[in-house]
Amino acid sequence: MPVEKSIDLTATGSSIEQAVAEAVDRASLTLRGITGFEIERIDGAVADGEISYRVLLRISFVIKEQLHE
């Protein structure tokens, strides 16, 4: 039976979807076995009339079973 671990990440984008995709894409560079995510918080900012979104995600991944010698 697999065991999962979760980490929290914050990412920004011009849409909520883009911010989520950025977080998952960056996490996948170093994590293997990502199984899902949960959006913990969404907020935004306005700068020079441009809207950006910031999301706080909890990303879950399976911990590999590996014995160390």
N, C-alpha and C. Protein backbone atom coordinates (compact mmCIF):
# COMPACT_ATOMS: atom_id res chain seq x y z
N MET A 1 0.84 -1.17 0.00
CA MET A 1 0.00 0.00 0.00
C MET A 1 0.90 1.25 0.00
N PRO A 2 0.70 2.16 -0.94
CA PRO A 2 1.58 3.33 -1.03
C PRO A 2 1.32 4.33 0.10
N VAL A 3 2.38 5.03 0.44
CA VAL A 3 2.32 6.13 1.41
C VAL A 3 2.55 7.41 0.65
N GLU A 4 1.74 8.43 0.93
CA GLU A 4 1.89 9.73 0.26
C GLU A 4 2.37 10.79 1.23
N LYS A 5 3.04 11.77 0.67
CA LYS A 5 3.49 12.94 1.40
C LYS A 5 2.94 14.16 0.68
N SER A 6 2.75 15.25 1.41
CA SER A 6 2.26 16.49 0.80
C SER A 6 3.20 17.64 1.14
N ILE A 7 3.33 18.56 0.18
CA ILE A 7 4.09 19.79 0.41
C ILE A 7 3.24 20.96 -0.05
N ASP A 8 3.48 22.12 0.53
CA ASP A 8 2.77 23.33 0.14
C ASP A 8 3.66 24.17 -0.76
N LEU A 9 3.08 24.67 -1.86
CA LEU A 9 3.79 25.53 -2.81
C LEU A 9 2.92 26.73 -3.13
N THR A 10 3.55 27.84 -3.43
CA THR A 10 2.85 29.04 -3.87
C THR A 10 3.35 29.39 -5.27
N ALA A 11 2.41 29.71 -6.17
CA ALA A 11 2.78 30.08 -7.54
C ALA A 11 1.85 31.20 -8.02
N THR A 12 2.32 31.95 -9.02
CA THR A 12 1.52 33.04 -9.57
C THR A 12 1.34 32.84 -11.07
N GLY A 13 0.30 33.47 -11.61
CA GLY A 13 0.03 33.42 -13.03
C GLY A 13 -1.03 34.42 -13.41
N SER A 14 -1.26 34.56 -14.70
CA SER A 14 -2.26 35.51 -15.18
C SER A 14 -3.68 34.94 -15.05
N SER A 15 -3.79 33.64 -14.74
CA SER A 15 -5.07 33.01 -14.44
C SER A 15 -4.83 32.00 -13.32
N ILE A 16 -5.91 31.57 -12.70
CA ILE A 16 -5.77 30.55 -11.65
C ILE A 16 -5.20 29.28 -12.25
N GLU A 17 -5.71 28.90 -13.41
CA GLU A 17 -5.22 27.67 -14.06
C GLU A 17 -3.74 27.75 -14.37
N GLN A 18 -3.28 28.91 -14.82
CA GLN A 18 -1.86 29.07 -15.15
C GLN A 18 -1.01 28.99 -13.88
N ALA A 19 -1.48 29.56 -12.79
CA ALA A 19 -0.74 29.50 -11.54
C ALA A 19 -0.65 28.06 -11.03
N VAL A 20 -1.74 27.31 -11.11
CA VAL A 20 -1.74 25.91 -10.70
C VAL A 20 -0.78 25.11 -11.58
N ALA A 21 -0.87 25.29 -12.89
CA ALA A 21 0.00 24.57 -13.82
C ALA A 21 1.47 24.88 -13.54
N GLU A 22 1.78 26.12 -13.24
CA GLU A 22 3.16 26.50 -12.93
C GLU A 22 3.66 25.75 -11.70
N ALA A 23 2.85 25.69 -10.65
CA ALA A 23 3.25 24.99 -9.43
C ALA A 23 3.46 23.50 -9.69
N VAL A 24 2.53 22.87 -10.39
CA VAL A 24 2.64 21.44 -10.67
C VAL A 24 3.82 21.15 -11.59
N ASP A 25 4.01 21.97 -12.62
CA ASP A 25 5.14 21.78 -13.54
C ASP A 25 6.48 21.90 -12.81
N ARG A 26 6.60 22.92 -11.97
CA ARG A 26 7.87 23.10 -11.25
C ARG A 26 8.11 21.97 -10.26
N ALA A 27 7.04 21.53 -9.57
CA ALA A 27 7.18 20.44 -8.61
C ALA A 27 7.61 19.15 -9.33
N SER A 28 7.09 18.94 -10.52
CA SER A 28 7.40 17.70 -11.25
C SER A 28 8.86 17.64 -11.71
N LEU A 29 9.59 18.75 -11.64
CA LEU A 29 11.01 18.73 -11.98
C LEU A 29 11.82 17.96 -10.95
N THR A 30 11.36 17.95 -9.70
CA THR A 30 12.11 17.28 -8.64
C THR A 30 11.33 16.18 -7.93
N LEU A 31 10.03 16.14 -8.09
CA LEU A 31 9.22 15.12 -7.43
C LEU A 31 8.71 14.12 -8.46
N ARG A 32 8.70 12.86 -8.10
CA ARG A 32 8.13 11.81 -8.94
C ARG A 32 6.88 11.28 -8.24
N GLY A 33 5.94 10.81 -9.02
CA GLY A 33 4.75 10.19 -8.45
C GLY A 33 3.72 11.16 -7.90
N ILE A 34 3.64 12.37 -8.50
CA ILE A 34 2.62 13.33 -8.06
C ILE A 34 1.24 12.73 -8.35
N THR A 35 0.39 12.73 -7.33
CA THR A 35 -0.93 12.11 -7.47
C THR A 35 -2.07 13.13 -7.49
N GLY A 36 -1.83 14.34 -7.02
CA GLY A 36 -2.91 15.32 -7.02
C GLY A 36 -2.50 16.60 -6.29
N PHE A 37 -3.46 17.51 -6.24
CA PHE A 37 -3.23 18.76 -5.54
C PHE A 37 -4.55 19.27 -4.97
N GLU A 38 -4.42 20.13 -3.97
CA GLU A 38 -5.58 20.78 -3.36
C GLU A 38 -5.26 22.27 -3.28
N ILE A 39 -6.17 23.09 -3.72
CA ILE A 39 -5.96 24.53 -3.63
C ILE A 39 -6.36 24.98 -2.23
N GLU A 40 -5.39 25.49 -1.50
CA GLU A 40 -5.62 25.94 -0.14
C GLU A 40 -6.11 27.39 -0.10
N ARG A 41 -5.57 28.22 -0.99
CA ARG A 41 -5.92 29.64 -0.97
C ARG A 41 -5.68 30.24 -2.34
N ILE A 42 -6.53 31.18 -2.70
CA ILE A 42 -6.37 31.96 -3.93
C ILE A 42 -6.43 33.42 -3.54
N ASP A 43 -5.46 34.18 -3.98
CA ASP A 43 -5.55 35.64 -3.84
C ASP A 43 -4.95 36.26 -5.09
N GLY A 44 -5.00 37.55 -5.16
CA GLY A 44 -4.54 38.21 -6.37
C GLY A 44 -3.94 39.56 -6.10
N ALA A 45 -3.38 40.13 -7.14
CA ALA A 45 -2.77 41.44 -7.06
C ALA A 45 -3.08 42.21 -8.34
N VAL A 46 -3.09 43.51 -8.22
CA VAL A 46 -3.27 44.39 -9.37
C VAL A 46 -2.08 45.35 -9.40
N ALA A 47 -1.36 45.35 -10.52
CA ALA A 47 -0.21 46.24 -10.69
C ALA A 47 -0.30 46.84 -12.09
N ASP A 48 -0.35 48.13 -12.16
CA ASP A 48 -0.43 48.84 -13.44
C ASP A 48 -1.62 48.34 -14.28
N GLY A 49 -2.72 48.06 -13.60
CA GLY A 49 -3.93 47.62 -14.29
C GLY A 49 -3.93 46.15 -14.69
N GLU A 50 -2.85 45.42 -14.41
CA GLU A 50 -2.75 44.00 -14.74
C GLU A 50 -3.09 43.16 -13.51
N ILE A 51 -3.93 42.16 -13.72
CA ILE A 51 -4.32 41.26 -12.65
C ILE A 51 -3.44 40.02 -12.69
N SER A 52 -2.97 39.59 -11.52
CA SER A 52 -2.28 38.30 -11.41
C SER A 52 -2.88 37.55 -10.23
N TYR A 53 -2.83 36.24 -10.32
CA TYR A 53 -3.39 35.37 -9.29
C TYR A 53 -2.27 34.62 -8.60
N ARG A 54 -2.41 34.45 -7.30
CA ARG A 54 -1.46 33.67 -6.52
C ARG A 54 -2.23 32.54 -5.85
N VAL A 55 -1.75 31.33 -6.00
CA VAL A 55 -2.41 30.18 -5.38
C VAL A 55 -1.45 29.49 -4.42
N LEU A 56 -2.00 29.02 -3.34
CA LEU A 56 -1.27 28.17 -2.40
C LEU A 56 -1.82 26.77 -2.60
N LEU A 57 -0.96 25.85 -3.03
CA LEU A 57 -1.35 24.48 -3.33
C LEU A 57 -0.71 23.51 -2.36
N ARG A 58 -1.44 22.47 -2.05
CA ARG A 58 -0.86 21.32 -1.36
C ARG A 58 -0.76 20.21 -2.40
N ILE A 59 0.47 19.83 -2.74
CA ILE A 59 0.72 18.82 -3.76
C ILE A 59 1.07 17.50 -3.05
N SER A 60 0.41 16.42 -3.48
CA SER A 60 0.64 15.11 -2.89
C SER A 60 1.41 14.23 -3.86
N PHE A 61 2.30 13.40 -3.30
CA PHE A 61 3.08 12.48 -4.12
C PHE A 61 3.37 11.22 -3.33
N VAL A 62 3.60 10.13 -4.05
CA VAL A 62 3.86 8.84 -3.43
C VAL A 62 5.34 8.77 -3.04
N ILE A 63 5.58 8.29 -1.82
CA ILE A 63 6.95 8.08 -1.36
C ILE A 63 7.40 6.72 -1.89
N LYS A 64 8.55 6.71 -2.56
CA LYS A 64 9.08 5.46 -3.11
C LYS A 64 9.52 4.54 -1.98
N GLU A 65 9.26 3.27 -2.20
CA GLU A 65 9.75 2.28 -1.25
C GLU A 65 11.14 1.86 -1.72
N GLN A 66 12.12 2.20 -0.92
CA GLN A 66 13.51 1.90 -1.29
C GLN A 66 14.28 1.64 -0.02
N LEU A 67 14.97 0.55 0.02
CA LEU A 67 15.79 0.22 1.18
C LEU A 67 17.19 0.77 0.96
N HIS A 68 17.75 1.35 2.00
CA HIS A 68 19.12 1.86 1.93
C HIS A 68 20.07 0.84 2.54
N GLU A 69 21.21 0.69 1.99
CA GLU A 69 22.20 -0.25 2.52
C GLU A 69 23.23 0.46 3.33
